[in-house]
Amino acid sequence: MTAPHDTMTSVAQGDTPVLERLVSMNLNSQADSGLDPATYFLVRLAALVAMDAPPVSYLVTLGLAEDAGVTIEQAQGVLIALAPAIGSARVASAAGKILRAFGLAAALTEDDRA
């Protein structure tokens, strides 16, 4: 068997060290940061925008942010605050990815209802 095949077989059987590492990296980061939950997720949102993250990253972060009481107005405020520092193109890209993330979330919800 090839290395990629072995890796995919391993993941399919539940051996997911990369995913486990990602989860473990985030387990205590909010508490360790000393930030309140809303501020913590707004900072994470800013980081995603600055690094031009993919839509799925926004989906996860904004879902958790909503659970922490972050409002859409606060998220928009982050985009407005970032624009002078990182540029309008990066903010526009983030806004589009956020919309795609919400579309993905809606599609997943529809699949769950079907």
PDB file of N, CA and C in Angstrom:
ATOM      1  N   MET A   1       0.837  -1.191   0.000  1.00  0.00           N
ATOM      2  CA  MET A   1       0.000   0.000   0.000  1.00  0.00           C
ATOM      3  C   MET A   1       0.878   1.249   0.000  1.00  0.00           C
ATOM      4  N   THR A   2       0.306   2.324  -0.488  1.00  0.00           N
ATOM      5  CA  THR A   2       1.043   3.587  -0.531  1.00  0.00           C
ATOM      6  C   THR A   2       0.850   4.356   0.763  1.00  0.00           C
ATOM      7  N   ALA A   3       1.735   5.293   1.018  1.00  0.00           N
ATOM      8  CA  ALA A   3       1.644   6.113   2.234  1.00  0.00           C
ATOM      9  C   ALA A   3       0.326   6.889   2.296  1.00  0.00           C
ATOM     10  N   PRO A   4      -0.101   7.553   1.202  1.00  0.00           N
ATOM     11  CA  PRO A   4      -1.394   8.259   1.284  1.00  0.00           C
ATOM     12  C   PRO A   4      -2.559   7.313   1.573  1.00  0.00           C
ATOM     13  N   HIS A   5      -2.516   6.127   0.962  1.00  0.00           N
ATOM     14  CA  HIS A   5      -3.580   5.156   1.207  1.00  0.00           C
ATOM     15  C   HIS A   5      -3.593   4.741   2.673  1.00  0.00           C
ATOM     16  N   ASP A   6      -2.398   4.480   3.220  1.00  0.00           N
ATOM     17  CA  ASP A   6      -2.296   4.114   4.636  1.00  0.00           C
ATOM     18  C   ASP A   6      -2.842   5.217   5.530  1.00  0.00           C
ATOM     19  N   THR A   7      -2.507   6.448   5.199  1.00  0.00           N
ATOM     20  CA  THR A   7      -2.975   7.588   5.990  1.00  0.00           C
ATOM     21  C   THR A   7      -4.487   7.695   5.931  1.00  0.00           C
ATOM     22  N   MET A   8      -5.057   7.596   4.743  1.00  0.00           N
ATOM     23  CA  MET A   8      -6.514   7.714   4.595  1.00  0.00           C
ATOM     24  C   MET A   8      -7.217   6.564   5.304  1.00  0.00           C
ATOM     25  N   THR A   9      -6.673   5.367   5.215  1.00  0.00           N
ATOM     26  CA  THR A   9      -7.251   4.225   5.918  1.00  0.00           C
ATOM     27  C   THR A   9      -7.215   4.453   7.419  1.00  0.00           C
ATOM     28  N   SER A  10      -6.121   4.970   7.896  1.00  0.00           N
ATOM     29  CA  SER A  10      -5.968   5.266   9.325  1.00  0.00           C
ATOM     30  C   SER A  10      -7.004   6.286   9.788  1.00  0.00           C
ATOM     31  N   VAL A  11      -7.190   7.347   9.016  1.00  0.00           N
ATOM     32  CA  VAL A  11      -8.178   8.372   9.360  1.00  0.00           C
ATOM     33  C   VAL A  11      -9.579   7.783   9.322  1.00  0.00           C
ATOM     34  N   ALA A  12      -9.862   6.981   8.298  1.00  0.00           N
ATOM     35  CA  ALA A  12     -11.184   6.364   8.180  1.00  0.00           C
ATOM     36  C   ALA A  12     -11.498   5.457   9.360  1.00  0.00           C
ATOM     37  N   GLN A  13     -10.467   4.875   9.951  1.00  0.00           N
ATOM     38  CA  GLN A  13     -10.664   3.991  11.100  1.00  0.00           C
ATOM     39  C   GLN A  13     -10.651   4.747  12.425  1.00  0.00           C
ATOM     40  N   GLY A  14     -10.595   6.073  12.347  1.00  0.00           N
ATOM     41  CA  GLY A  14     -10.690   6.874  13.565  1.00  0.00           C
ATOM     42  C   GLY A  14      -9.367   7.305  14.155  1.00  0.00           C
ATOM     43  N   ASP A  15      -8.267   6.979  13.510  1.00  0.00           N
ATOM     44  CA  ASP A  15      -6.952   7.409  13.988  1.00  0.00           C
ATOM     45  C   ASP A  15      -6.678   8.791  13.391  1.00  0.00           C
ATOM     46  N   THR A  16      -6.964   9.820  14.147  1.00  0.00           N
ATOM     47  CA  THR A  16      -6.868  11.180  13.634  1.00  0.00           C
ATOM     48  C   THR A  16      -5.975  12.045  14.510  1.00  0.00           C
ATOM     49  N   PRO A  17      -4.690  11.781  14.527  1.00  0.00           N
ATOM     50  CA  PRO A  17      -3.812  12.546  15.418  1.00  0.00           C
ATOM     51  C   PRO A  17      -3.782  14.037  15.109  1.00  0.00           C
ATOM     52  N   VAL A  18      -3.912  14.413  13.845  1.00  0.00           N
ATOM     53  CA  VAL A  18      -3.897  15.839  13.516  1.00  0.00           C
ATOM     54  C   VAL A  18      -5.134  16.521  14.086  1.00  0.00           C
ATOM     55  N   LEU A  19      -6.296  15.920  13.867  1.00  0.00           N
ATOM     56  CA  LEU A  19      -7.520  16.512  14.399  1.00  0.00           C
ATOM     57  C   LEU A  19      -7.513  16.528  15.917  1.00  0.00           C
ATOM     58  N   GLU A  20      -7.015  15.452  16.499  1.00  0.00           N
ATOM     59  CA  GLU A  20      -6.928  15.408  17.962  1.00  0.00           C
ATOM     60  C   GLU A  20      -6.017  16.500  18.489  1.00  0.00           C
ATOM     61  N   ARG A  21      -4.916  16.748  17.806  1.00  0.00           N
ATOM     62  CA  ARG A  21      -3.985  17.807  18.209  1.00  0.00           C
ATOM     63  C   ARG A  21      -4.653  19.169  18.102  1.00  0.00           C
ATOM     64  N   LEU A  22      -5.397  19.391  17.022  1.00  0.00           N
ATOM     65  CA  LEU A  22      -6.092  20.668  16.858  1.00  0.00           C
ATOM     66  C   LEU A  22      -7.099  20.890  17.982  1.00  0.00           C
ATOM     67  N   VAL A  23      -7.830  19.858  18.322  1.00  0.00           N
ATOM     68  CA  VAL A  23      -8.796  19.973  19.419  1.00  0.00           C
ATOM     69  C   VAL A  23      -8.074  20.250  20.727  1.00  0.00           C
ATOM     70  N   SER A  24      -7.016  19.504  20.992  1.00  0.00           N
ATOM     71  CA  SER A  24      -6.313  19.689  22.266  1.00  0.00           C
ATOM     72  C   SER A  24      -5.659  21.056  22.361  1.00  0.00           C
ATOM     73  N   MET A  25      -5.206  21.607  21.233  1.00  0.00           N
ATOM     74  CA  MET A  25      -4.604  22.943  21.247  1.00  0.00           C
ATOM     75  C   MET A  25      -5.619  24.001  21.669  1.00  0.00           C
ATOM     76  N   ASN A  26      -6.870  23.755  21.377  1.00  0.00           N
ATOM     77  CA  ASN A  26      -7.905  24.754  21.639  1.00  0.00           C
ATOM     78  C   ASN A  26      -8.653  24.551  22.952  1.00  0.00           C
ATOM     79  N   LEU A  27      -8.457  23.419  23.605  1.00  0.00           N
ATOM     80  CA  LEU A  27      -9.242  23.107  24.792  1.00  0.00           C
ATOM     81  C   LEU A  27      -9.162  24.175  25.872  1.00  0.00           C
ATOM     82  N   ASN A  28      -7.980  24.633  26.179  1.00  0.00           N
ATOM     83  CA  ASN A  28      -7.814  25.576  27.274  1.00  0.00           C
ATOM     84  C   ASN A  28      -7.409  26.968  26.819  1.00  0.00           C
ATOM     85  N   SER A  29      -7.358  27.202  25.529  1.00  0.00           N
ATOM     86  CA  SER A  29      -6.829  28.478  25.051  1.00  0.00           C
ATOM     87  C   SER A  29      -7.675  29.662  25.483  1.00  0.00           C
ATOM     88  N   GLN A  30      -8.992  29.514  25.523  1.00  0.00           N
ATOM     89  CA  GLN A  30      -9.820  30.644  25.950  1.00  0.00           C
ATOM     90  C   GLN A  30      -9.567  30.947  27.421  1.00  0.00           C
ATOM     91  N   ALA A  31      -9.589  29.946  28.262  1.00  0.00           N
ATOM     92  CA  ALA A  31      -9.344  30.166  29.690  1.00  0.00           C
ATOM     93  C   ALA A  31      -7.938  30.695  29.920  1.00  0.00           C
ATOM     94  N   ASP A  32      -6.967  30.130  29.213  1.00  0.00           N
ATOM     95  CA  ASP A  32      -5.582  30.553  29.382  1.00  0.00           C
ATOM     96  C   ASP A  32      -5.352  31.981  28.886  1.00  0.00           C
ATOM     97  N   SER A  33      -6.178  32.447  27.958  1.00  0.00           N
ATOM     98  CA  SER A  33      -5.990  33.794  27.412  1.00  0.00           C
ATOM     99  C   SER A  33      -6.332  34.887  28.424  1.00  0.00           C
ATOM    100  N   GLY A  34      -7.199  34.572  29.364  1.00  0.00           N
ATOM    101  CA  GLY A  34      -7.636  35.581  30.320  1.00  0.00           C
ATOM    102  C   GLY A  34      -8.697  36.512  29.765  1.00  0.00           C
ATOM    103  N   LEU A  35      -9.131  36.264  28.534  1.00  0.00           N
ATOM    104  CA  LEU A  35     -10.163  37.094  27.903  1.00  0.00           C
ATOM    105  C   LEU A  35     -11.546  36.521  28.195  1.00  0.00           C
ATOM    106  N   ASP A  36     -12.539  37.404  28.225  1.00  0.00           N
ATOM    107  CA  ASP A  36     -13.899  36.897  28.334  1.00  0.00           C
ATOM    108  C   ASP A  36     -14.243  36.203  27.016  1.00  0.00           C
ATOM    109  N   PRO A  37     -15.226  35.299  27.016  1.00  0.00           N
ATOM    110  CA  PRO A  37     -15.516  34.514  25.809  1.00  0.00           C
ATOM    111  C   PRO A  37     -15.810  35.346  24.559  1.00  0.00           C
ATOM    112  N   ALA A  38     -16.589  36.418  24.687  1.00  0.00           N
ATOM    113  CA  ALA A  38     -16.915  37.222  23.500  1.00  0.00           C
ATOM    114  C   ALA A  38     -15.656  37.861  22.918  1.00  0.00           C
ATOM    115  N   THR A  39     -14.827  38.439  23.759  1.00  0.00           N
ATOM    116  CA  THR A  39     -13.597  39.066  23.285  1.00  0.00           C
ATOM    117  C   THR A  39     -12.684  38.027  22.651  1.00  0.00           C
ATOM    118  N   TYR A  40     -12.591  36.870  23.264  1.00  0.00           N
ATOM    119  CA  TYR A  40     -11.757  35.795  22.742  1.00  0.00           C
ATOM    120  C   TYR A  40     -12.160  35.445  21.309  1.00  0.00           C
ATOM    121  N   PHE A  41     -13.439  35.274  21.049  1.00  0.00           N
ATOM    122  CA  PHE A  41     -13.872  34.893  19.706  1.00  0.00           C
ATOM    123  C   PHE A  41     -13.780  36.048  18.722  1.00  0.00           C
ATOM    124  N   LEU A  42     -13.905  37.281  19.182  1.00  0.00           N
ATOM    125  CA  LEU A  42     -13.695  38.423  18.294  1.00  0.00           C
ATOM    126  C   LEU A  42     -12.227  38.519  17.881  1.00  0.00           C
ATOM    127  N   VAL A  43     -11.323  38.232  18.797  1.00  0.00           N
ATOM    128  CA  VAL A  43      -9.899  38.214  18.466  1.00  0.00           C
ATOM    129  C   VAL A  43      -9.614  37.100  17.466  1.00  0.00           C
ATOM    130  N   ARG A  44     -10.196  35.944  17.677  1.00  0.00           N
ATOM    131  CA  ARG A  44     -10.000  34.828  16.736  1.00  0.00           C
ATOM    132  C   ARG A  44     -10.558  35.185  15.360  1.00  0.00           C
ATOM    133  N   LEU A  45     -11.699  35.857  15.330  1.00  0.00           N
ATOM    134  CA  LEU A  45     -12.269  36.305  14.062  1.00  0.00           C
ATOM    135  C   LEU A  45     -11.292  37.242  13.360  1.00  0.00           C
ATOM    136  N   ALA A  46     -10.723  38.182  14.091  1.00  0.00           N
ATOM    137  CA  ALA A  46      -9.758  39.113  13.509  1.00  0.00           C
ATOM    138  C   ALA A  46      -8.561  38.357  12.929  1.00  0.00           C
ATOM    139  N   ALA A  47      -8.099  37.353  13.632  1.00  0.00           N
ATOM    140  CA  ALA A  47      -6.968  36.569  13.140  1.00  0.00           C
ATOM    141  C   ALA A  47      -7.332  35.833  11.854  1.00  0.00           C
ATOM    142  N   LEU A  48      -8.535  35.286  11.786  1.00  0.00           N
ATOM    143  CA  LEU A  48      -8.966  34.586  10.574  1.00  0.00           C
ATOM    144  C   LEU A  48      -9.004  35.533   9.385  1.00  0.00           C
ATOM    145  N   VAL A  49      -9.527  36.735   9.618  1.00  0.00           N
ATOM    146  CA  VAL A  49      -9.592  37.725   8.545  1.00  0.00           C
ATOM    147  C   VAL A  49      -8.184  38.094   8.092  1.00  0.00           C
ATOM    148  N   ALA A  50      -7.309  38.357   9.041  1.00  0.00           N
ATOM    149  CA  ALA A  50      -5.946  38.776   8.712  1.00  0.00           C
ATOM    150  C   ALA A  50      -5.183  37.718   7.936  1.00  0.00           C
ATOM    151  N   MET A  51      -5.472  36.448   8.197  1.00  0.00           N
ATOM    152  CA  MET A  51      -4.740  35.383   7.499  1.00  0.00           C
ATOM    153  C   MET A  51      -5.490  34.842   6.286  1.00  0.00           C
ATOM    154  N   ASP A  52      -6.631  35.454   5.943  1.00  0.00           N
ATOM    155  CA  ASP A  52      -7.425  35.048   4.779  1.00  0.00           C
ATOM    156  C   ASP A  52      -7.813  33.577   4.868  1.00  0.00           C
ATOM    157  N   ALA A  53      -8.387  33.206   5.995  1.00  0.00           N
ATOM    158  CA  ALA A  53      -8.763  31.827   6.293  1.00  0.00           C
ATOM    159  C   ALA A  53      -9.899  31.336   5.389  1.00  0.00           C
ATOM    160  N   PRO A  54     -10.035  30.016   5.259  1.00  0.00           N
ATOM    161  CA  PRO A  54     -11.103  29.444   4.440  1.00  0.00           C
ATOM    162  C   PRO A  54     -12.463  29.535   5.147  1.00  0.00           C
ATOM    163  N   PRO A  55     -13.544  29.423   4.382  1.00  0.00           N
ATOM    164  CA  PRO A  55     -14.885  29.538   4.960  1.00  0.00           C
ATOM    165  C   PRO A  55     -15.148  28.615   6.151  1.00  0.00           C
ATOM    166  N   VAL A  56     -14.656  27.389   6.116  1.00  0.00           N
ATOM    167  CA  VAL A  56     -14.937  26.459   7.206  1.00  0.00           C
ATOM    168  C   VAL A  56     -14.382  26.984   8.536  1.00  0.00           C
ATOM    169  N   SER A  57     -13.271  27.704   8.500  1.00  0.00           N
ATOM    170  CA  SER A  57     -12.725  28.277   9.726  1.00  0.00           C
ATOM    171  C   SER A  57     -13.686  29.307  10.322  1.00  0.00           C
ATOM    172  N   TYR A  58     -14.305  30.094   9.461  1.00  0.00           N
ATOM    173  CA  TYR A  58     -15.287  31.069   9.930  1.00  0.00           C
ATOM    174  C   TYR A  58     -16.516  30.357  10.494  1.00  0.00           C
ATOM    175  N   LEU A  59     -16.917  29.285   9.837  1.00  0.00           N
ATOM    176  CA  LEU A  59     -18.086  28.538  10.280  1.00  0.00           C
ATOM    177  C   LEU A  59     -17.909  28.076  11.720  1.00  0.00           C
ATOM    178  N   VAL A  60     -16.779  27.489  12.000  1.00  0.00           N
ATOM    179  CA  VAL A  60     -16.504  26.984  13.348  1.00  0.00           C
ATOM    180  C   VAL A  60     -16.421  28.129  14.350  1.00  0.00           C
ATOM    181  N   THR A  61     -15.611  29.127  14.033  1.00  0.00           N
ATOM    182  CA  THR A  61     -15.391  30.230  14.972  1.00  0.00           C
ATOM    183  C   THR A  61     -16.657  31.040  15.215  1.00  0.00           C
ATOM    184  N   LEU A  62     -17.395  31.348  14.169  1.00  0.00           N
ATOM    185  CA  LEU A  62     -18.604  32.153  14.351  1.00  0.00           C
ATOM    186  C   LEU A  62     -19.703  31.372  15.066  1.00  0.00           C
ATOM    187  N   GLY A  63     -19.744  30.065  14.871  1.00  0.00           N
ATOM    188  CA  GLY A  63     -20.708  29.249  15.621  1.00  0.00           C
ATOM    189  C   GLY A  63     -20.419  29.299  17.106  1.00  0.00           C
ATOM    190  N   LEU A  64     -19.152  29.154  17.459  1.00  0.00           N
ATOM    191  CA  LEU A  64     -18.765  29.232  18.870  1.00  0.00           C
ATOM    192  C   LEU A  64     -18.929  30.649  19.407  1.00  0.00           C
ATOM    193  N   ALA A  65     -18.644  31.639  18.563  1.00  0.00           N
ATOM    194  CA  ALA A  65     -18.798  33.034  18.982  1.00  0.00           C
ATOM    195  C   ALA A  65     -20.261  33.341  19.293  1.00  0.00           C
ATOM    196  N   GLU A  66     -21.144  32.839  18.457  1.00  0.00           N
ATOM    197  CA  GLU A  66     -22.572  33.051  18.697  1.00  0.00           C
ATOM    198  C   GLU A  66     -22.982  32.437  20.037  1.00  0.00           C
ATOM    199  N   ASP A  67     -22.479  31.249  20.315  1.00  0.00           N
ATOM    200  CA  ASP A  67     -22.755  30.608  21.602  1.00  0.00           C
ATOM    201  C   ASP A  67     -22.235  31.442  22.768  1.00  0.00           C
ATOM    202  N   ALA A  68     -21.169  32.219  22.525  1.00  0.00           N
ATOM    203  CA  ALA A  68     -20.576  33.062  23.564  1.00  0.00           C
ATOM    204  C   ALA A  68     -21.250  34.430  23.655  1.00  0.00           C
ATOM    205  N   GLY A  69     -22.280  34.644  22.823  1.00  0.00           N
ATOM    206  CA  GLY A  69     -23.027  35.897  22.889  1.00  0.00           C
ATOM    207  C   GLY A  69     -22.542  36.994  21.968  1.00  0.00           C
ATOM    208  N   VAL A  70     -21.628  36.667  21.039  1.00  0.00           N
ATOM    209  CA  VAL A  70     -21.148  37.657  20.080  1.00  0.00           C
ATOM    210  C   VAL A  70     -22.270  37.955  19.089  1.00  0.00           C
ATOM    211  N   THR A  71     -22.506  39.234  18.843  1.00  0.00           N
ATOM    212  CA  THR A  71     -23.559  39.646  17.915  1.00  0.00           C
ATOM    213  C   THR A  71     -22.978  39.875  16.527  1.00  0.00           C
ATOM    214  N   ILE A  72     -23.854  39.878  15.534  1.00  0.00           N
ATOM    215  CA  ILE A  72     -23.419  40.165  14.168  1.00  0.00           C
ATOM    216  C   ILE A  72     -22.846  41.570  14.088  1.00  0.00           C
ATOM    217  N   GLU A  73     -23.384  42.483  14.881  1.00  0.00           N
ATOM    218  CA  GLU A  73     -22.877  43.851  14.891  1.00  0.00           C
ATOM    219  C   GLU A  73     -21.434  43.903  15.410  1.00  0.00           C
ATOM    220  N   GLN A  74     -21.139  43.098  16.400  1.00  0.00           N
ATOM    221  CA  GLN A  74     -19.765  43.046  16.906  1.00  0.00           C
ATOM    222  C   GLN A  74     -18.817  42.457  15.862  1.00  0.00           C
ATOM    223  N   ALA A  75     -19.264  41.413  15.178  1.00  0.00           N
ATOM    224  CA  ALA A  75     -18.441  40.811  14.121  1.00  0.00           C
ATOM    225  C   ALA A  75     -18.202  41.819  12.999  1.00  0.00           C
ATOM    226  N   GLN A  76     -19.223  42.564  12.636  1.00  0.00           N
ATOM    227  CA  GLN A  76     -19.062  43.599  11.615  1.00  0.00           C
ATOM    228  C   GLN A  76     -18.109  44.687  12.104  1.00  0.00           C
ATOM    229  N   GLY A  77     -18.176  45.007  13.388  1.00  0.00           N
ATOM    230  CA  GLY A  77     -17.270  45.992  13.968  1.00  0.00           C
ATOM    231  C   GLY A  77     -15.821  45.559  13.839  1.00  0.00           C
ATOM    232  N   VAL A  78     -15.566  44.258  13.991  1.00  0.00           N
ATOM    233  CA  VAL A  78     -14.212  43.738  13.815  1.00  0.00           C
ATOM    234  C   VAL A  78     -13.746  43.985  12.380  1.00  0.00           C
ATOM    235  N   LEU A  79     -14.611  43.706  11.413  1.00  0.00           N
ATOM    236  CA  LEU A  79     -14.242  43.922  10.013  1.00  0.00           C
ATOM    237  C   LEU A  79     -13.955  45.395   9.740  1.00  0.00           C
ATOM    238  N   ILE A  80     -14.767  46.270  10.296  1.00  0.00           N
ATOM    239  CA  ILE A  80     -14.567  47.711  10.113  1.00  0.00           C
ATOM    240  C   ILE A  80     -13.250  48.159  10.747  1.00  0.00           C
ATOM    241  N   ALA A  81     -12.973  47.650  11.951  1.00  0.00           N
ATOM    242  CA  ALA A  81     -11.743  48.021  12.650  1.00  0.00           C
ATOM    243  C   ALA A  81     -10.509  47.518  11.918  1.00  0.00           C
ATOM    244  N   LEU A  82     -10.612  46.369  11.273  1.00  0.00           N
ATOM    245  CA  LEU A  82      -9.469  45.778  10.582  1.00  0.00           C
ATOM    246  C   LEU A  82      -9.161  46.424   9.234  1.00  0.00           C
ATOM    247  N   ALA A  83     -10.165  46.962   8.583  1.00  0.00           N
ATOM    248  CA  ALA A  83      -9.996  47.456   7.215  1.00  0.00           C
ATOM    249  C   ALA A  83      -8.807  48.399   7.046  1.00  0.00           C
ATOM    250  N   PRO A  84      -8.616  49.398   7.902  1.00  0.00           N
ATOM    251  CA  PRO A  84      -7.456  50.280   7.699  1.00  0.00           C
ATOM    252  C   PRO A  84      -6.115  49.571   7.884  1.00  0.00           C
ATOM    253  N   ALA A  85      -6.086  48.542   8.710  1.00  0.00           N
ATOM    254  CA  ALA A  85      -4.829  47.859   8.994  1.00  0.00           C
ATOM    255  C   ALA A  85      -4.469  46.812   7.947  1.00  0.00           C
ATOM    256  N   ILE A  86      -5.464  46.097   7.426  1.00  0.00           N
ATOM    257  CA  ILE A  86      -5.154  44.990   6.517  1.00  0.00           C
ATOM    258  C   ILE A  86      -5.640  45.214   5.093  1.00  0.00           C
ATOM    259  N   GLY A  87      -6.437  46.246   4.887  1.00  0.00           N
ATOM    260  CA  GLY A  87      -6.880  46.589   3.545  1.00  0.00           C
ATOM    261  C   GLY A  87      -8.283  46.115   3.223  1.00  0.00           C
ATOM    262  N   SER A  88      -8.901  46.849   2.331  1.00  0.00           N
ATOM    263  CA  SER A  88     -10.287  46.559   1.980  1.00  0.00           C
ATOM    264  C   SER A  88     -10.437  45.241   1.226  1.00  0.00           C
ATOM    265  N   ALA A  89      -9.443  44.875   0.422  1.00  0.00           N
ATOM    266  CA  ALA A  89      -9.546  43.618  -0.328  1.00  0.00           C
ATOM    267  C   ALA A  89      -9.604  42.423   0.611  1.00  0.00           C
ATOM    268  N   ARG A  90      -8.792  42.421   1.647  1.00  0.00           N
ATOM    269  CA  ARG A  90      -8.781  41.308   2.603  1.00  0.00           C
ATOM    270  C   ARG A  90     -10.098  41.267   3.369  1.00  0.00           C
ATOM    271  N   VAL A  91     -10.633  42.426   3.740  1.00  0.00           N
ATOM    272  CA  VAL A  91     -11.906  42.467   4.464  1.00  0.00           C
ATOM    273  C   VAL A  91     -13.050  42.012   3.559  1.00  0.00           C
ATOM    274  N   ALA A  92     -13.039  42.444   2.300  1.00  0.00           N
ATOM    275  CA  ALA A  92     -14.074  42.005   1.356  1.00  0.00           C
ATOM    276  C   ALA A  92     -13.993  40.496   1.137  1.00  0.00           C
ATOM    277  N   SER A  93     -12.788  39.960   1.049  1.00  0.00           N
ATOM    278  CA  SER A  93     -12.606  38.522   0.920  1.00  0.00           C
ATOM    279  C   SER A  93     -13.187  37.801   2.126  1.00  0.00           C
ATOM    280  N   ALA A  94     -12.911  38.315   3.308  1.00  0.00           N
ATOM    281  CA  ALA A  94     -13.434  37.703   4.536  1.00  0.00           C
ATOM    282  C   ALA A  94     -14.955  37.753   4.562  1.00  0.00           C
ATOM    283  N   ALA A  95     -15.527  38.880   4.158  1.00  0.00           N
ATOM    284  CA  ALA A  95     -16.984  39.001   4.161  1.00  0.00           C
ATOM    285  C   ALA A  95     -17.612  37.955   3.242  1.00  0.00           C
ATOM    286  N   GLY A  96     -17.021  37.751   2.077  1.00  0.00           N
ATOM    287  CA  GLY A  96     -17.523  36.726   1.160  1.00  0.00           C
ATOM    288  C   GLY A  96     -17.392  35.329   1.734  1.00  0.00           C
ATOM    289  N   LYS A  97     -16.289  35.064   2.407  1.00  0.00           N
ATOM    290  CA  LYS A  97     -16.082  33.747   3.004  1.00  0.00           C
ATOM    291  C   LYS A  97     -17.030  33.522   4.179  1.00  0.00           C
ATOM    292  N   ILE A  98     -17.309  34.567   4.913  1.00  0.00           N
ATOM    293  CA  ILE A  98     -18.273  34.462   6.014  1.00  0.00           C
ATOM    294  C   ILE A  98     -19.655  34.120   5.454  1.00  0.00           C
ATOM    295  N   LEU A  99     -20.037  34.788   4.368  1.00  0.00           N
ATOM    296  CA  LEU A  99     -21.322  34.473   3.741  1.00  0.00           C
ATOM    297  C   LEU A  99     -21.361  33.031   3.247  1.00  0.00           C
ATOM    298  N   ARG A 100     -20.262  32.553   2.643  1.00  0.00           N
ATOM    299  CA  ARG A 100     -20.206  31.157   2.197  1.00  0.00           C
ATOM    300  C   ARG A 100     -20.288  30.202   3.389  1.00  0.00           C
ATOM    301  N   ALA A 101     -19.680  30.593   4.489  1.00  0.00           N
ATOM    302  CA  ALA A 101     -19.743  29.757   5.692  1.00  0.00           C
ATOM    303  C   ALA A 101     -21.177  29.639   6.178  1.00  0.00           C
ATOM    304  N   PHE A 102     -21.905  30.755   6.175  1.00  0.00           N
ATOM    305  CA  PHE A 102     -23.304  30.687   6.590  1.00  0.00           C
ATOM    306  C   PHE A 102     -24.138  29.884   5.607  1.00  0.00           C
ATOM    307  N   GLY A 103     -23.813  29.961   4.316  1.00  0.00           N
ATOM    308  CA  GLY A 103     -24.489  29.126   3.321  1.00  0.00           C
ATOM    309  C   GLY A 103     -24.215  27.657   3.554  1.00  0.00           C
ATOM    310  N   LEU A 104     -22.977  27.337   3.907  1.00  0.00           N
ATOM    311  CA  LEU A 104     -22.608  25.957   4.231  1.00  0.00           C
ATOM    312  C   LEU A 104     -23.374  25.482   5.458  1.00  0.00           C
ATOM    313  N   ALA A 105     -23.469  26.346   6.451  1.00  0.00           N
ATOM    314  CA  ALA A 105     -24.210  25.990   7.661  1.00  0.00           C
ATOM    315  C   ALA A 105     -25.678  25.742   7.338  1.00  0.00           C
ATOM    316  N   ALA A 106     -26.259  26.572   6.496  1.00  0.00           N
ATOM    317  CA  ALA A 106     -27.665  26.395   6.113  1.00  0.00           C
ATOM    318  C   ALA A 106     -27.843  25.082   5.358  1.00  0.00           C
ATOM    319  N   ALA A 107     -26.915  24.775   4.465  1.00  0.00           N
ATOM    320  CA  ALA A 107     -27.013  23.522   3.709  1.00  0.00           C
ATOM    321  C   ALA A 107     -26.899  22.318   4.635  1.00  0.00           C
ATOM    322  N   LEU A 108     -26.007  22.381   5.605  1.00  0.00           N
ATOM    323  CA  LEU A 108     -25.866  21.280   6.561  1.00  0.00           C
ATOM    324  C   LEU A 108     -27.130  21.121   7.396  1.00  0.00           C
ATOM    325  N   THR A 109     -27.742  22.225   7.763  1.00  0.00           N
ATOM    326  CA  THR A 109     -28.979  22.174   8.532  1.00  0.00           C
ATOM    327  C   THR A 109     -30.094  21.538   7.709  1.00  0.00           C
ATOM    328  N   GLU A 110     -30.156  21.900   6.423  1.00  0.00           N
ATOM    329  CA  GLU A 110     -31.173  21.311   5.538  1.00  0.00           C
ATOM    330  C   GLU A 110     -30.960  19.806   5.405  1.00  0.00           C
ATOM    331  N   ASP A 111     -29.717  19.377   5.277  1.00  0.00           N
ATOM    332  CA  ASP A 111     -29.413  17.950   5.176  1.00  0.00           C
ATOM    333  C   ASP A 111     -29.840  17.209   6.436  1.00  0.00           C
ATOM    334  N   ASP A 112     -29.665  17.847   7.595  1.00  0.00           N
ATOM    335  CA  ASP A 112     -30.067  17.231   8.854  1.00  0.00           C
ATOM    336  C   ASP A 112     -31.579  17.075   8.948  1.00  0.00           C
ATOM    337  N   ARG A 113     -32.291  18.002   8.328  1.00  0.00           N
ATOM    338  CA  ARG A 113     -33.778  17.958   8.372  1.00  0.00           C
ATOM    339  C   ARG A 113     -34.339  16.936   7.397  1.00  0.00           C
ATOM    340  N   ALA A 114     -33.579  16.643   6.341  1.00  0.00           N
ATOM    341  CA  ALA A 114     -34.085  15.743   5.285  1.00  0.00           C
ATOM    342  C   ALA A 114     -34.127  14.315   5.737  1.00  0.00           C
TER     343      ALA A 114
END
